[in-house]
Amino acid sequence: MVDQILDRMAAALAAGENVKISSFGTFLLHDKSERRGRNPKTGEEATVSARRVVTFRPSQGLRDQVARPAAE
């Protein structure tokens, strides 16, 4: 069941849709443009190609739960 949910989420994101899970958070798509970068090992400049990335923004309820100290 978890695999089916993740497959549907991945398909929605691949289609360009954001995915919201109530009381949990939202998976957002961001398009990053091409930019100049640097290879940290050699210091050589390189072009980082344009790409789409997925970010996660937690809901306020999830943030509040994580911020609470654990019960002793």
N, C-alpha and C. Protein backbone atom coordinates (compact mmCIF):
# COMPACT_ATOMS: atom_id res chain seq x y z
N MET A 1 0.82 -1.19 0.00
CA MET A 1 0.00 0.00 0.00
C MET A 1 0.87 1.26 0.00
N VAL A 2 1.94 1.24 0.79
CA VAL A 2 2.84 2.40 0.83
C VAL A 2 3.48 2.61 -0.54
N ASP A 3 3.87 1.52 -1.18
CA ASP A 3 4.47 1.64 -2.52
C ASP A 3 3.49 2.26 -3.51
N GLN A 4 2.21 1.90 -3.43
CA GLN A 4 1.21 2.47 -4.33
C GLN A 4 1.04 3.97 -4.09
N ILE A 5 1.03 4.37 -2.83
CA ILE A 5 0.91 5.80 -2.51
C ILE A 5 2.12 6.57 -3.04
N LEU A 6 3.31 6.03 -2.82
CA LEU A 6 4.52 6.70 -3.30
C LEU A 6 4.56 6.75 -4.82
N ASP A 7 4.10 5.70 -5.48
CA ASP A 7 4.04 5.70 -6.95
C ASP A 7 3.10 6.78 -7.46
N ARG A 8 1.95 6.95 -6.81
CA ARG A 8 1.01 7.99 -7.23
C ARG A 8 1.57 9.38 -6.97
N MET A 9 2.25 9.56 -5.85
CA MET A 9 2.88 10.85 -5.56
C MET A 9 3.94 11.16 -6.61
N ALA A 10 4.78 10.18 -6.94
CA ALA A 10 5.83 10.38 -7.94
C ALA A 10 5.23 10.71 -9.30
N ALA A 11 4.14 10.04 -9.66
CA ALA A 11 3.49 10.31 -10.95
C ALA A 11 2.92 11.73 -10.98
N ALA A 12 2.32 12.17 -9.88
CA ALA A 12 1.78 13.53 -9.82
C ALA A 12 2.89 14.56 -9.93
N LEU A 13 3.99 14.34 -9.23
CA LEU A 13 5.12 15.27 -9.30
C LEU A 13 5.72 15.28 -10.70
N ALA A 14 5.83 14.12 -11.33
CA ALA A 14 6.37 14.04 -12.69
C ALA A 14 5.48 14.78 -13.68
N ALA A 15 4.17 14.83 -13.39
CA ALA A 15 3.23 15.54 -14.25
C ALA A 15 3.21 17.04 -13.96
N GLY A 16 4.02 17.49 -13.01
CA GLY A 16 4.11 18.91 -12.71
C GLY A 16 3.18 19.40 -11.63
N GLU A 17 2.58 18.49 -10.87
CA GLU A 17 1.65 18.88 -9.81
C GLU A 17 2.34 18.86 -8.45
N ASN A 18 1.96 19.77 -7.57
CA ASN A 18 2.41 19.71 -6.18
C ASN A 18 1.54 18.69 -5.45
N VAL A 19 2.09 18.08 -4.40
CA VAL A 19 1.36 17.05 -3.66
C VAL A 19 1.20 17.52 -2.21
N LYS A 20 -0.05 17.64 -1.75
CA LYS A 20 -0.33 18.06 -0.39
C LYS A 20 -0.92 16.90 0.40
N ILE A 21 -0.37 16.65 1.58
CA ILE A 21 -0.89 15.65 2.49
C ILE A 21 -1.33 16.40 3.73
N SER A 22 -2.64 16.43 3.96
CA SER A 22 -3.19 17.20 5.07
C SER A 22 -2.56 16.80 6.39
N SER A 23 -2.29 17.78 7.23
CA SER A 23 -1.68 17.62 8.56
C SER A 23 -0.27 17.06 8.51
N PHE A 24 0.32 16.98 7.32
CA PHE A 24 1.70 16.49 7.21
C PHE A 24 2.57 17.52 6.50
N GLY A 25 2.22 17.87 5.27
CA GLY A 25 3.01 18.85 4.55
C GLY A 25 2.75 18.81 3.06
N THR A 26 3.55 19.58 2.32
CA THR A 26 3.39 19.69 0.87
C THR A 26 4.73 19.46 0.18
N PHE A 27 4.69 18.64 -0.87
CA PHE A 27 5.85 18.44 -1.73
C PHE A 27 5.69 19.41 -2.90
N LEU A 28 6.66 20.30 -3.07
CA LEU A 28 6.59 21.37 -4.06
C LEU A 28 7.64 21.17 -5.13
N LEU A 29 7.30 21.52 -6.37
CA LEU A 29 8.25 21.49 -7.47
C LEU A 29 8.86 22.87 -7.67
N HIS A 30 10.15 22.90 -7.92
CA HIS A 30 10.84 24.15 -8.23
C HIS A 30 11.71 23.91 -9.44
N ASP A 31 11.62 24.80 -10.41
CA ASP A 31 12.50 24.74 -11.58
C ASP A 31 13.71 25.60 -11.32
N LYS A 32 14.88 25.01 -11.43
CA LYS A 32 16.12 25.76 -11.24
C LYS A 32 16.73 26.00 -12.61
N SER A 33 17.18 27.22 -12.83
CA SER A 33 17.76 27.57 -14.12
C SER A 33 19.22 27.13 -14.17
N GLU A 34 19.75 27.13 -15.38
CA GLU A 34 21.15 26.79 -15.58
C GLU A 34 22.02 27.82 -14.86
N ARG A 35 23.14 27.36 -14.29
CA ARG A 35 24.02 28.29 -13.58
C ARG A 35 25.47 27.82 -13.67
N ARG A 36 26.35 28.70 -13.30
CA ARG A 36 27.77 28.36 -13.26
C ARG A 36 28.08 27.77 -11.90
N GLY A 37 28.83 26.71 -11.89
CA GLY A 37 29.22 26.08 -10.65
C GLY A 37 30.72 25.81 -10.65
N ARG A 38 31.17 25.19 -9.59
CA ARG A 38 32.60 24.89 -9.47
C ARG A 38 32.76 23.49 -8.90
N ASN A 39 33.65 22.72 -9.51
CA ASN A 39 33.96 21.39 -9.01
C ASN A 39 34.77 21.58 -7.72
N PRO A 40 34.25 21.13 -6.57
CA PRO A 40 34.96 21.37 -5.30
C PRO A 40 36.29 20.63 -5.21
N LYS A 41 36.43 19.56 -5.94
CA LYS A 41 37.67 18.78 -5.87
C LYS A 41 38.79 19.43 -6.67
N THR A 42 38.46 19.90 -7.90
CA THR A 42 39.49 20.45 -8.78
C THR A 42 39.46 21.97 -8.85
N GLY A 43 38.36 22.59 -8.44
CA GLY A 43 38.22 24.04 -8.55
C GLY A 43 37.85 24.50 -9.94
N GLU A 44 37.67 23.57 -10.87
CA GLU A 44 37.34 23.90 -12.25
C GLU A 44 35.89 24.37 -12.36
N GLU A 45 35.66 25.43 -13.16
CA GLU A 45 34.30 25.92 -13.36
C GLU A 45 33.56 24.98 -14.30
N ALA A 46 32.26 24.84 -14.05
CA ALA A 46 31.42 23.99 -14.88
C ALA A 46 30.02 24.59 -14.94
N THR A 47 29.25 24.18 -15.91
CA THR A 47 27.88 24.64 -16.02
C THR A 47 26.97 23.57 -15.42
N VAL A 48 26.13 23.99 -14.50
CA VAL A 48 25.15 23.10 -13.89
C VAL A 48 23.87 23.28 -14.69
N SER A 49 23.39 22.20 -15.30
CA SER A 49 22.24 22.30 -16.18
C SER A 49 20.95 22.59 -15.42
N ALA A 50 19.98 23.10 -16.15
CA ALA A 50 18.67 23.39 -15.57
C ALA A 50 18.02 22.09 -15.13
N ARG A 51 17.27 22.16 -14.05
CA ARG A 51 16.63 20.94 -13.56
C ARG A 51 15.43 21.29 -12.71
N ARG A 52 14.61 20.29 -12.45
CA ARG A 52 13.44 20.43 -11.59
C ARG A 52 13.75 19.68 -10.30
N VAL A 53 13.49 20.31 -9.17
CA VAL A 53 13.74 19.68 -7.88
C VAL A 53 12.47 19.66 -7.05
N VAL A 54 12.40 18.70 -6.13
CA VAL A 54 11.26 18.58 -5.23
C VAL A 54 11.71 19.02 -3.84
N THR A 55 10.92 19.90 -3.23
CA THR A 55 11.19 20.31 -1.86
C THR A 55 9.98 19.96 -1.00
N PHE A 56 10.18 19.93 0.31
CA PHE A 56 9.10 19.59 1.23
C PHE A 56 8.90 20.72 2.21
N ARG A 57 7.66 21.13 2.37
CA ARG A 57 7.31 22.15 3.35
C ARG A 57 6.36 21.51 4.36
N PRO A 58 6.82 21.30 5.60
CA PRO A 58 5.96 20.65 6.59
C PRO A 58 4.80 21.55 7.00
N SER A 59 3.70 20.91 7.41
CA SER A 59 2.54 21.66 7.90
C SER A 59 2.87 22.26 9.26
N GLN A 60 2.09 23.22 9.68
CA GLN A 60 2.30 23.83 11.00
C GLN A 60 2.13 22.79 12.10
N GLY A 61 1.18 21.89 11.96
CA GLY A 61 0.96 20.85 12.96
C GLY A 61 2.17 19.94 13.11
N LEU A 62 2.79 19.56 12.00
CA LEU A 62 3.99 18.72 12.05
C LEU A 62 5.15 19.48 12.69
N ARG A 63 5.30 20.75 12.33
CA ARG A 63 6.37 21.56 12.94
C ARG A 63 6.18 21.67 14.44
N ASP A 64 4.93 21.86 14.87
CA ASP A 64 4.66 21.97 16.31
C ASP A 64 4.97 20.66 17.04
N GLN A 65 4.62 19.54 16.45
CA GLN A 65 4.89 18.25 17.07
C GLN A 65 6.39 17.98 17.19
N VAL A 66 7.13 18.32 16.16
CA VAL A 66 8.58 18.08 16.18
C VAL A 66 9.27 19.01 17.17
N ALA A 67 8.76 20.21 17.35
CA ALA A 67 9.37 21.19 18.24
C ALA A 67 9.17 20.88 19.71
N ARG A 68 8.15 20.09 20.03
CA ARG A 68 7.88 19.77 21.43
C ARG A 68 8.95 18.83 21.99
N PRO A 69 9.38 19.05 23.24
CA PRO A 69 10.36 18.14 23.82
C PRO A 69 9.72 16.77 24.07
N ALA A 70 10.54 15.74 23.99
CA ALA A 70 10.05 14.37 24.19
C ALA A 70 9.60 14.19 25.64
N ALA A 71 8.56 13.39 25.84
CA ALA A 71 8.07 13.10 27.20
C ALA A 71 9.08 12.23 27.93
N GLU A 72 9.27 12.54 29.17
CA GLU A 72 10.27 11.80 29.94
C GLU A 72 9.64 10.69 30.74
